[in-house]
C-alpha cells in the first residue's frame, strides 16, 4: 500500500488543485508597484543578498515588457493552417486524443500562422482560471475610474488587504520579503497577513496562491459593488458579506467574473471561473457555476491581451507584466529550450486517483483524471523577439507525469517555431543545410525534471 492509501476511497482517492510555484513581474518594478517580493529578487540578482540568480530570459526591465500587437488590434484568431496543424499534431503522438492544443506563431505578425487541435475541448483548467479573476478585477477598476489611470495605480499600490476567513485554506506558500531586514519568509497565508492589492495579485499569479486568489476575488466583488467608494473598512466588509442575501452575492459574483468575459469578446461557454478558489470562499459565496476553459479561448485571452483589448491597454499591460516569470520555472516553462526566452506563463492542474494494482498515485500522475493546463507567451531573444508565439494546452493523459509531458511539448513546439523562422545566416560561400525537425529528432532533446511539486 502506498503513502496515499489512508485517503483512498473506492472511486476517487484524491482531488487536489495543484497550482504552480513560479514568480512574476519584472524585477525592477518595486518602486512603481510596491511589490516587496520582487525587490528581494532584484537584490539577489545584483548580489546584495544571497539566492539563486535568474535565467537570461527573466531579466527584462519593466519598460521592455510591452504589448506586442498594438498595431494589430483588428487581428482576429486566424483559421487553422492545415500544414502547421499537422506538424503540431505529429508532436502529440499516441496521446493526441487526450490533448486540446493551440499554437499561434506571431514571429511575422503580418503573416500569422495558427495551429489548433481539439481547440474547443473543455475541462477544468485549475489555477489558469486565475486569469479570469485578474480580468474581473481590472474590469471593475476601469469601470470605477475609466479616465483616471493614476487613480487606478494608487488603488493597486496603496490599498492594503488584510487576510480573513476567505483565505481558508491553502497549502501553497507565499513569499513575504522585508525590504528593511532583507528577510524572506516562505509560508502559507494566515489570517491577518497584510499586503497591497498589487501584492495579492502577485501572490495569486506568481505563487499561484489559492488564498491570495480568494482575497482578490473578495475585493473584486467589493470594488464592483462599492465603485468609487472602494476600499471600504474591514468592519463594513464583514457586515456586507454577513448581511447580504446569498442570491445577491451570487449575482454580484457573476457580474464581477462572468460579465467581463463576454464584455471583452470572449466566450463564456469556453472560459469561466465559476467559484472561489478556497473552501471558505465557496461557503461564503456561491458562484453559481462550474469552472472550465479550452485551448482556443485561452488563446483568444492571450491574443487580446497582447492587442491591449482586455479591458483597455493599461489593464492588458499590467496583466502581462504580472505573468512575466522572474524566478523558478516549472512544468511547460521548465523546458531547457526556453531558458533564454522571456516567458509569460500560467499553469494549473487537477488530478485524482483510485486504487490500481501496480500503480502508485503521485502529483500530476492521476489515473482517474490528470488535468494539466498551460498558457505561455514566448519571446526570443528577449527584447529582440525574432521568435514570438503563444501556446495553450489542456491535457488529460492518465498515469503519466503531466508536468514532464508539458515540458517536453514546450521543447518540441519551440523547435518547430525555430525551424519556421530561422535566424539570418552570415554571408558565406559554404553551403548551409538546415536540420529538419521531426517527432523522432525531438525525442532526443534533453529533458530535465520540472521540479518537485510545490
Protein backbone atom coordinates (compact mmCIF):
# COMPACT_ATOMS: atom_id res chain seq x y z
CA UNK A 1 0.00 0.00 0.00
CA UNK A 2 1.46 3.39 -0.92
CA UNK A 3 1.56 6.60 1.09
CA UNK A 4 -1.78 7.82 -0.31
CA UNK A 5 -3.68 4.79 0.98
CA UNK A 6 -5.13 6.48 4.06
CA UNK A 7 -7.24 8.86 1.95
CA UNK A 8 -8.32 6.44 -0.75
CA UNK A 9 -11.93 5.61 -1.39
CA UNK A 10 -13.40 3.03 -3.75
CA UNK A 11 -13.72 5.53 -6.61
CA UNK A 12 -11.91 8.83 -6.31
CA UNK A 13 -8.97 8.78 -3.95
CA UNK A 14 -7.65 12.31 -4.21
CA UNK A 15 -8.68 15.51 -5.89
CA UNK A 16 -6.04 18.12 -5.47
CA UNK A 17 -5.78 21.52 -7.03
CA UNK A 18 -2.06 21.94 -7.51
CA UNK A 19 -1.21 25.42 -8.77
CA UNK A 20 2.39 26.13 -9.63
CA UNK A 21 5.06 27.99 -7.72
CA UNK A 22 6.75 30.47 -10.02
CA UNK A 23 7.43 34.14 -9.78
CA UNK A 24 6.29 37.04 -11.90
CA UNK A 25 6.57 40.77 -12.63
CA UNK A 26 9.80 42.44 -13.82
CA UNK A 27 12.32 42.67 -11.01
CA UNK A 28 12.78 46.45 -11.26
CA UNK A 29 9.08 47.06 -10.55
CA UNK A 30 9.15 47.65 -6.79
CA UNK A 31 9.17 51.45 -6.94
CA UNK A 32 6.14 51.52 -9.24
CA UNK A 33 4.13 48.73 -7.61
CA UNK A 34 5.33 48.31 -4.05
CA UNK A 35 5.52 44.52 -4.54
CA UNK A 36 8.11 43.67 -1.90
CA UNK A 37 8.88 40.19 -3.23
CA UNK A 38 10.31 41.45 -6.50
CA UNK A 39 12.61 43.83 -4.63
CA UNK A 40 14.04 40.77 -2.94
CA UNK A 41 14.57 39.12 -6.32
CA UNK A 42 16.29 42.26 -7.62
CA UNK A 43 18.67 42.36 -4.64
CA UNK A 44 19.59 38.72 -5.20
CA UNK A 45 20.31 39.49 -8.83
CA UNK A 46 22.58 42.43 -8.00
CA UNK A 47 24.41 40.37 -5.36
CA UNK A 48 23.27 42.33 -2.31
CA UNK A 49 21.77 39.23 -0.69
CA UNK A 50 22.31 35.51 -1.37
CA UNK A 51 20.00 33.50 -3.54
CA UNK A 52 19.53 31.87 -6.92
CA UNK A 53 20.09 34.08 -9.95
CA UNK A 54 17.57 34.44 -12.75
CA UNK A 55 17.86 32.77 -16.16
CA UNK A 56 18.63 35.11 -19.08
CA UNK A 57 15.01 35.31 -20.17
CA UNK A 58 13.88 36.72 -16.83
CA UNK A 59 15.90 39.94 -16.82
CA UNK A 60 13.86 42.31 -18.96
CA UNK A 61 13.24 45.67 -17.28
CA UNK A 62 9.67 46.81 -16.87
CA UNK A 63 9.96 49.25 -19.78
CA UNK A 64 10.69 46.37 -22.16
CA UNK A 65 7.74 44.22 -21.07
CA UNK A 66 5.25 45.65 -23.51
CA UNK A 67 2.23 44.63 -25.53
CA UNK A 68 3.43 43.34 -28.92
CA UNK A 69 0.32 43.63 -31.06
CA UNK A 70 -0.99 47.15 -30.53
CA UNK A 71 -0.59 47.76 -34.28
CA UNK A 72 -2.69 44.68 -34.99
CA UNK A 73 -5.73 45.32 -32.82
CA UNK A 74 -8.07 44.31 -35.63
CA UNK A 75 -6.50 40.87 -35.97
CA UNK A 76 -8.78 38.01 -35.02
CA UNK A 77 -7.61 34.48 -34.42
CA UNK A 78 -6.79 33.14 -37.90
CA UNK A 79 -8.30 29.97 -39.32
CA UNK A 80 -6.12 26.95 -38.53
CA UNK A 81 -3.38 26.34 -41.08
CA UNK A 82 -3.63 22.68 -42.18
CA UNK A 83 0.10 22.14 -42.64
CA UNK A 84 1.03 23.78 -39.33
CA UNK A 85 -1.72 21.90 -37.52
CA UNK A 86 -0.43 18.61 -38.97
CA UNK A 87 3.05 19.40 -37.64
CA UNK A 88 1.71 20.15 -34.15
CA UNK A 89 -0.49 17.06 -34.20
CA UNK A 90 2.54 14.98 -35.10
CA UNK A 91 4.23 16.06 -31.87
CA UNK A 92 1.41 14.68 -29.72
CA UNK A 93 1.99 11.05 -30.73
CA UNK A 94 -0.27 8.44 -29.18
CA UNK A 95 -1.72 10.94 -26.70
CA UNK A 96 -3.27 13.30 -29.24
CA UNK A 97 -6.81 12.41 -28.19
CA UNK A 98 -6.05 13.49 -24.62
CA UNK A 99 -4.90 16.99 -25.64
CA UNK A 100 -6.50 20.24 -26.64
CA UNK A 101 -3.83 22.50 -28.12
CA UNK A 102 -3.49 25.81 -29.93
CA UNK A 103 -0.29 27.47 -31.18
CA UNK A 104 -0.17 30.94 -32.75
CA UNK A 105 3.12 31.90 -34.41
CA UNK A 106 3.36 35.70 -34.49
CA UNK A 107 7.03 35.92 -35.37
CA UNK A 108 5.87 37.64 -38.56
CA UNK A 109 2.67 39.37 -37.41
CA UNK A 110 1.87 40.33 -40.99
CA UNK A 111 1.51 36.63 -41.74
CA UNK A 112 0.49 34.82 -38.52
CA UNK A 113 0.25 31.04 -38.54
CA UNK A 114 -2.26 29.22 -36.36
CA UNK A 115 -2.50 25.55 -35.45
CA UNK A 116 -5.32 24.01 -33.45
CA UNK A 117 -6.34 20.51 -32.46
CA UNK A 118 -9.39 19.86 -30.27
CA UNK A 119 -9.37 23.56 -29.55
CA UNK A 120 -12.90 23.50 -28.18
CA UNK A 121 -12.26 20.62 -25.75
CA UNK A 122 -13.43 21.88 -22.35
CA UNK A 123 -12.07 20.89 -18.96
CA UNK A 124 -11.34 22.35 -15.55
CA UNK A 125 -8.16 24.41 -16.03
CA UNK A 126 -7.32 24.74 -12.33
CA UNK A 127 -5.27 27.78 -11.48
CA UNK A 128 -5.32 29.03 -15.07
CA UNK A 129 -8.77 30.30 -14.07
CA UNK A 130 -6.98 33.00 -12.08
CA UNK A 131 -6.55 34.79 -15.40
CA UNK A 132 -10.33 35.34 -15.28
CA UNK A 133 -10.03 36.68 -11.73
CA UNK A 134 -7.44 39.22 -12.88
CA UNK A 135 -9.71 40.24 -15.75
CA UNK A 136 -12.62 40.76 -13.36
CA UNK A 137 -10.56 42.89 -11.00
CA UNK A 138 -9.12 45.11 -13.74
CA UNK A 139 -12.55 45.47 -15.37
CA UNK A 140 -14.08 46.65 -12.09
CA UNK A 141 -11.17 49.04 -11.59
CA UNK A 142 -11.60 50.51 -15.07
CA UNK A 143 -15.36 50.84 -14.65
CA UNK A 144 -14.87 52.81 -11.45
CA UNK A 145 -12.19 55.13 -12.87
CA UNK A 146 -12.40 54.88 -16.68
CA UNK A 147 -10.44 58.06 -17.38
CA UNK A 148 -8.09 58.16 -14.40
CA UNK A 149 -5.15 55.79 -14.75
CA UNK A 150 -3.31 57.45 -11.89
CA UNK A 151 -6.17 56.70 -9.52
CA UNK A 152 -6.14 53.07 -10.65
CA UNK A 153 -2.40 52.89 -9.93
CA UNK A 154 -2.99 54.38 -6.48
CA UNK A 155 -5.69 51.83 -5.71
CA UNK A 156 -3.41 48.97 -6.76
CA UNK A 157 -0.39 50.27 -4.84
CA UNK A 158 -1.95 51.78 -1.73
CA UNK A 159 -4.96 49.59 -0.92
CA UNK A 160 -3.99 47.31 1.96
CA UNK A 161 -5.80 43.98 2.13
CA UNK A 162 -5.92 42.02 5.38
CA UNK A 163 -6.40 38.28 5.02
CA UNK A 164 -9.56 36.95 6.68
CA UNK A 165 -11.70 33.81 6.56
CA UNK A 166 -11.86 33.95 2.76
CA UNK A 167 -8.25 32.74 2.63
CA UNK A 168 -9.06 29.41 4.36
CA UNK A 169 -7.22 27.25 3.41
CA UNK A 170 -4.29 26.74 1.08
CA UNK A 171 -1.09 24.70 1.42
CA UNK A 172 0.86 26.78 -1.11
CA UNK A 173 3.44 29.21 0.19
CA UNK A 174 3.58 32.92 -0.47
CA UNK A 175 6.79 34.94 -0.31
CA UNK A 176 6.91 37.85 2.10
CA UNK A 177 10.06 39.95 1.79
CA UNK A 178 11.04 42.51 4.42
CA UNK A 179 12.80 45.28 2.50
CA UNK A 180 14.36 46.65 5.68
CA UNK A 181 15.90 43.46 7.05
CA UNK A 182 16.33 41.61 3.73
CA UNK A 183 14.47 38.70 5.31
CA UNK A 184 12.41 36.44 3.02
CA UNK A 185 9.67 34.34 4.62
CA UNK A 186 8.05 31.45 2.77
CA UNK A 187 4.85 30.16 4.33
CA UNK A 188 1.15 29.70 3.80
CA UNK A 189 -1.12 32.71 4.16
CA UNK A 190 -2.77 33.18 7.53
CA UNK A 191 -5.41 35.48 8.98
CA UNK A 192 -4.11 38.99 9.48
CA UNK A 193 -1.49 38.88 6.71
CA UNK A 194 -1.38 42.24 5.00
CA UNK A 195 -0.31 43.24 1.55
CA UNK A 196 -1.32 45.73 -1.09
CA UNK A 197 -3.74 44.86 -3.85
CA UNK A 198 -0.71 44.67 -6.16
CA UNK A 199 0.94 42.16 -3.83
CA UNK A 200 -2.17 39.99 -3.60
CA UNK A 201 -2.38 39.95 -7.40
CA UNK A 202 1.28 38.95 -7.48
CA UNK A 203 0.79 36.19 -4.93
CA UNK A 204 -2.21 34.96 -6.91
CA UNK A 205 -0.46 34.84 -10.29
CA UNK A 206 3.15 34.16 -9.32
CA UNK A 207 2.97 31.80 -6.35
CA UNK A 208 -0.49 30.81 -7.62
CA UNK A 209 -1.79 31.04 -4.06
CA UNK A 210 -5.42 29.98 -3.75
CA UNK A 211 -5.68 32.04 -0.56
CA UNK A 212 -4.48 35.15 -2.37
CA UNK A 213 -6.86 34.42 -5.24
CA UNK A 214 -9.79 34.24 -2.82
CA UNK A 215 -8.83 37.58 -1.27
CA UNK A 216 -8.53 39.19 -4.72
CA UNK A 217 -11.94 37.78 -5.63
CA UNK A 218 -13.41 39.17 -2.41
CA UNK A 219 -12.05 42.61 -3.18
CA UNK A 220 -13.00 42.49 -6.85
CA UNK A 221 -16.59 41.93 -5.72
CA UNK A 222 -16.31 44.80 -3.25
CA UNK A 223 -14.89 47.06 -5.95
CA UNK A 224 -17.70 46.08 -8.31
CA UNK A 225 -20.32 46.81 -5.60
CA UNK A 226 -18.91 49.97 -4.00
CA UNK A 227 -17.28 51.51 -7.07
CA UNK A 228 -15.50 54.76 -6.23
CA UNK A 229 -16.17 54.23 -2.51
CA UNK A 230 -13.72 51.32 -2.57
CA UNK A 231 -11.71 50.47 -0.49
CA UNK A 232 -14.06 50.10 2.46
CA UNK A 233 -13.25 49.50 6.15
CA UNK A 234 -12.86 45.96 7.50
CA UNK A 235 -15.98 46.35 9.62
CA UNK A 236 -18.04 47.16 6.52
CA UNK A 237 -16.54 44.20 4.65
CA UNK A 238 -17.61 41.82 7.41
CA UNK A 239 -21.09 43.36 7.56
CA UNK A 240 -21.53 43.20 3.79
CA UNK A 241 -20.77 39.52 3.41
CA UNK A 242 -22.69 38.59 6.55
CA UNK A 243 -25.89 40.52 5.82
CA UNK A 244 -26.17 40.42 2.01
CA UNK A 245 -28.53 37.61 0.90
CA UNK A 246 -26.88 34.67 -0.82
CA UNK A 247 -28.74 35.20 -4.08
CA UNK A 248 -27.48 38.79 -4.27
CA UNK A 249 -23.91 37.64 -3.60
CA UNK A 250 -24.19 35.09 -6.42
CA UNK A 251 -25.45 37.79 -8.78
CA UNK A 252 -22.61 40.09 -7.73
CA UNK A 253 -20.08 37.27 -8.25
CA UNK A 254 -21.35 36.74 -11.78
CA UNK A 255 -21.33 40.46 -12.60
CA UNK A 256 -17.73 40.54 -11.36
CA UNK A 257 -16.34 37.43 -13.07
CA UNK A 258 -18.80 36.32 -15.77
CA UNK A 259 -19.73 39.62 -17.40
CA UNK A 260 -16.11 40.74 -18.09
CA UNK A 261 -15.52 37.56 -20.11
CA UNK A 262 -18.29 38.38 -22.58
CA UNK A 263 -17.67 42.14 -22.46
CA UNK A 264 -14.13 41.52 -23.67
CA UNK A 265 -15.16 39.40 -26.63
CA UNK A 266 -14.55 36.01 -25.04
CA UNK A 267 -16.89 33.03 -24.99
CA UNK A 268 -18.31 32.28 -21.55
CA UNK A 269 -19.14 28.75 -22.72
CA UNK A 270 -15.42 28.13 -23.26
CA UNK A 271 -13.85 30.12 -20.41
CA UNK A 272 -15.39 30.55 -16.98
CA UNK A 273 -14.33 30.72 -13.34
CA UNK A 274 -17.45 29.64 -11.52
CA UNK A 275 -16.37 29.61 -7.87
CA UNK A 276 -13.88 30.81 -5.29
CA UNK A 277 -10.52 29.06 -5.01
CA UNK A 278 -10.87 28.28 -1.30
CA UNK A 279 -13.33 26.19 0.69
CA UNK A 280 -14.39 29.09 2.90
CA UNK A 281 -14.77 31.37 -0.11
CA UNK A 282 -17.14 28.83 -1.65
CA UNK A 283 -19.02 28.62 1.65
CA UNK A 284 -19.50 32.38 1.87
CA UNK A 285 -20.35 32.99 -1.81
CA UNK A 286 -21.94 30.56 -4.23
CA UNK A 287 -20.56 31.42 -7.65
CA UNK A 288 -23.36 29.51 -9.30
CA UNK A 289 -21.43 27.60 -11.95
CA UNK A 290 -18.64 25.26 -12.97
CA UNK A 291 -15.12 26.33 -13.91
CA UNK A 292 -13.55 25.41 -17.26
CA UNK A 293 -11.50 26.54 -20.21
CA UNK A 294 -10.44 25.49 -23.69
CA UNK A 295 -7.20 25.88 -25.59
CA UNK A 296 -8.92 28.12 -28.13
CA UNK A 297 -10.43 30.55 -25.65
CA UNK A 298 -7.25 30.75 -23.61
CA UNK A 299 -5.54 31.62 -26.88
CA UNK A 300 -8.11 34.36 -27.50
CA UNK A 301 -7.45 35.70 -24.00
CA UNK A 302 -3.69 35.89 -24.62
CA UNK A 303 -4.14 37.38 -28.10
CA UNK A 304 -6.48 40.10 -26.85
CA UNK A 305 -4.10 40.87 -24.01
CA UNK A 306 -1.23 41.42 -26.48
CA UNK A 307 -3.53 43.69 -28.50
CA UNK A 308 -4.50 45.78 -25.48
CA UNK A 309 -8.09 44.57 -25.80
CA UNK A 310 -8.55 43.09 -22.33
CA UNK A 311 -10.45 45.97 -20.71
CA UNK A 312 -8.00 48.54 -22.12
CA UNK A 313 -4.32 48.96 -22.91
CA UNK A 314 -3.38 49.78 -19.30
CA UNK A 315 -5.12 46.70 -17.89
CA UNK A 316 -3.76 44.37 -20.58
CA UNK A 317 -0.23 45.57 -19.94
CA UNK A 318 -0.47 45.10 -16.18
CA UNK A 319 -1.82 41.57 -16.55
CA UNK A 320 1.01 40.70 -18.92
CA UNK A 321 3.62 42.07 -16.52
CA UNK A 322 2.08 40.04 -13.70
CA UNK A 323 2.56 36.92 -15.85
CA UNK A 324 6.25 37.58 -16.58
CA UNK A 325 8.30 34.79 -14.99
CA UNK A 326 11.21 36.15 -12.99
CA UNK A 327 12.18 33.18 -10.86
CA UNK A 328 11.61 29.43 -10.75
CA UNK A 329 10.30 27.84 -13.95
CA UNK A 330 8.28 24.64 -13.77
CA UNK A 331 6.14 22.38 -15.98
CA UNK A 332 5.89 23.77 -19.55
CA UNK A 333 8.08 26.71 -18.54
CA UNK A 334 10.92 24.46 -17.34
CA UNK A 335 11.86 23.37 -20.87
CA UNK A 336 15.62 23.92 -21.41
CA UNK A 337 14.75 25.25 -24.87
CA UNK A 338 13.03 28.25 -23.24
CA UNK A 339 15.80 29.24 -20.85
CA UNK A 340 16.94 32.18 -22.95
CA UNK A 341 13.38 33.33 -23.71
CA UNK A 342 11.20 35.88 -21.99
CA UNK A 343 8.22 33.85 -20.84
CA UNK A 344 4.74 34.91 -19.73
CA UNK A 345 3.06 31.95 -18.17
CA UNK A 346 0.20 30.50 -16.14
CA UNK A 347 -0.38 26.87 -15.32
CA UNK A 348 -2.79 24.81 -13.29
CA UNK A 349 -3.58 21.17 -12.65
CA UNK A 350 -6.15 18.87 -11.11
CA UNK A 351 -5.67 15.15 -10.60
CA UNK A 352 -7.48 12.31 -8.83
CA UNK A 353 -6.80 8.64 -8.24
CA UNK A 354 -8.33 5.25 -7.43
CA UNK A 355 -6.75 2.00 -6.33
CA UNK A 356 -4.99 0.23 -9.18
CA UNK A 357 -2.75 -2.81 -8.97
CA UNK A 358 0.85 -1.88 -9.76
CA UNK A 359 0.18 1.87 -9.92
CA UNK A 360 1.13 4.46 -7.31
CA UNK A 361 -0.66 7.78 -7.44
CA UNK A 362 1.51 10.87 -7.28
CA UNK A 363 1.43 14.57 -8.10
CA UNK A 364 0.44 15.13 -11.75
CA UNK A 365 0.02 11.35 -12.26
CA UNK A 366 -3.67 10.65 -11.69
CA UNK A 367 -5.39 7.57 -13.09
CA UNK A 368 -8.97 8.89 -12.85
CA UNK A 369 -8.19 12.35 -14.16
CA UNK A 370 -4.86 14.07 -14.72
CA UNK A 371 -5.62 17.56 -15.96
CA UNK A 372 -2.65 19.76 -16.81
CA UNK A 373 -3.11 23.20 -18.38
CA UNK A 374 -0.58 25.71 -19.67
CA UNK A 375 -0.71 29.17 -21.23
CA UNK A 376 2.63 30.50 -22.47
CA UNK A 377 3.75 33.54 -24.46
CA UNK A 378 7.33 33.17 -25.68
CA UNK A 379 9.61 35.99 -26.87
CA UNK A 380 13.11 35.15 -28.11
CA UNK A 381 15.63 36.66 -27.85
CA UNK A 382 14.27 38.93 -25.09
CA UNK A 383 13.92 42.47 -26.37
CA UNK A 384 14.52 41.43 -29.98
CA UNK A 385 11.63 38.94 -30.32
CA UNK A 386 12.71 37.27 -33.54
CA UNK A 387 10.52 34.43 -32.31
CA UNK A 388 7.17 35.39 -30.83
CA UNK A 389 4.42 32.86 -30.29
CA UNK A 390 1.63 31.76 -27.95
CA UNK A 391 0.90 28.18 -26.87
CA UNK A 392 -2.13 26.99 -24.95
CA UNK A 393 -2.51 23.38 -23.88
CA UNK A 394 -5.07 21.40 -21.89
CA UNK A 395 -4.37 17.71 -21.38
CA UNK A 396 -5.62 14.66 -19.53
CA UNK A 397 -3.00 11.96 -20.09
CA UNK A 398 -3.56 9.37 -17.36
CA UNK A 399 -0.79 7.67 -15.35
CA UNK A 400 1.96 9.81 -16.83
CA UNK A 401 3.77 12.73 -15.25
CA UNK A 402 1.92 15.56 -16.96
CA UNK A 403 4.45 18.16 -15.76
CA UNK A 404 7.14 16.35 -17.77
CA UNK A 405 4.74 15.89 -20.70
CA UNK A 406 4.15 19.64 -20.92
CA UNK A 407 7.86 20.35 -20.56
CA UNK A 408 8.52 18.01 -23.48
CA UNK A 409 5.82 19.62 -25.59
CA UNK A 410 7.31 23.05 -24.89
CA UNK A 411 10.65 21.90 -26.29
CA UNK A 412 9.09 20.35 -29.38
CA UNK A 413 6.92 23.37 -30.16
CA UNK A 414 9.86 25.74 -29.73
CA UNK A 415 11.97 23.73 -32.17
CA UNK A 416 9.19 23.85 -34.76
CA UNK A 417 8.91 27.61 -34.40
CA UNK A 418 12.68 27.93 -34.74
CA UNK A 419 12.66 25.87 -37.91
CA UNK A 420 9.90 28.02 -39.42
CA UNK A 421 11.69 31.27 -38.51
CA UNK A 422 15.43 30.65 -38.97
CA UNK A 423 17.95 33.21 -37.85
CA UNK A 424 19.59 35.21 -40.65
CA UNK A 425 22.68 33.37 -41.83
CA UNK A 426 26.03 35.16 -42.14
CA UNK A 427 27.28 35.68 -45.66
CA UNK A 428 29.45 32.70 -46.59
CA UNK A 429 30.48 30.69 -49.58
CA UNK A 430 29.86 27.45 -47.74
CA UNK A 431 26.57 25.61 -48.41
CA UNK A 432 24.17 25.59 -45.46
CA UNK A 433 21.94 22.60 -44.80
CA UNK A 434 19.00 23.18 -42.47
CA UNK A 435 18.13 20.48 -39.97
CA UNK A 436 14.64 19.09 -40.28
CA UNK A 437 12.62 18.88 -37.07
CA UNK A 438 10.51 15.74 -36.70
CA UNK A 439 8.99 13.95 -33.72
CA UNK A 440 11.81 11.41 -33.97
CA UNK A 441 14.56 14.02 -33.72
CA UNK A 442 12.72 15.88 -30.99
CA UNK A 443 12.72 12.73 -28.89
CA UNK A 444 16.46 13.19 -28.43
CA UNK A 445 16.05 16.64 -26.83
CA UNK A 446 17.32 16.66 -23.23
CA UNK A 447 14.58 16.55 -20.60
CA UNK A 448 15.22 17.92 -17.13
CA UNK A 449 12.97 17.27 -14.15
CA UNK A 450 10.49 20.18 -13.89
CA UNK A 451 10.98 20.34 -10.13
CA UNK A 452 9.17 18.74 -7.21
CA UNK A 453 5.58 19.70 -6.51
CA UNK A 454 5.29 22.96 -4.54
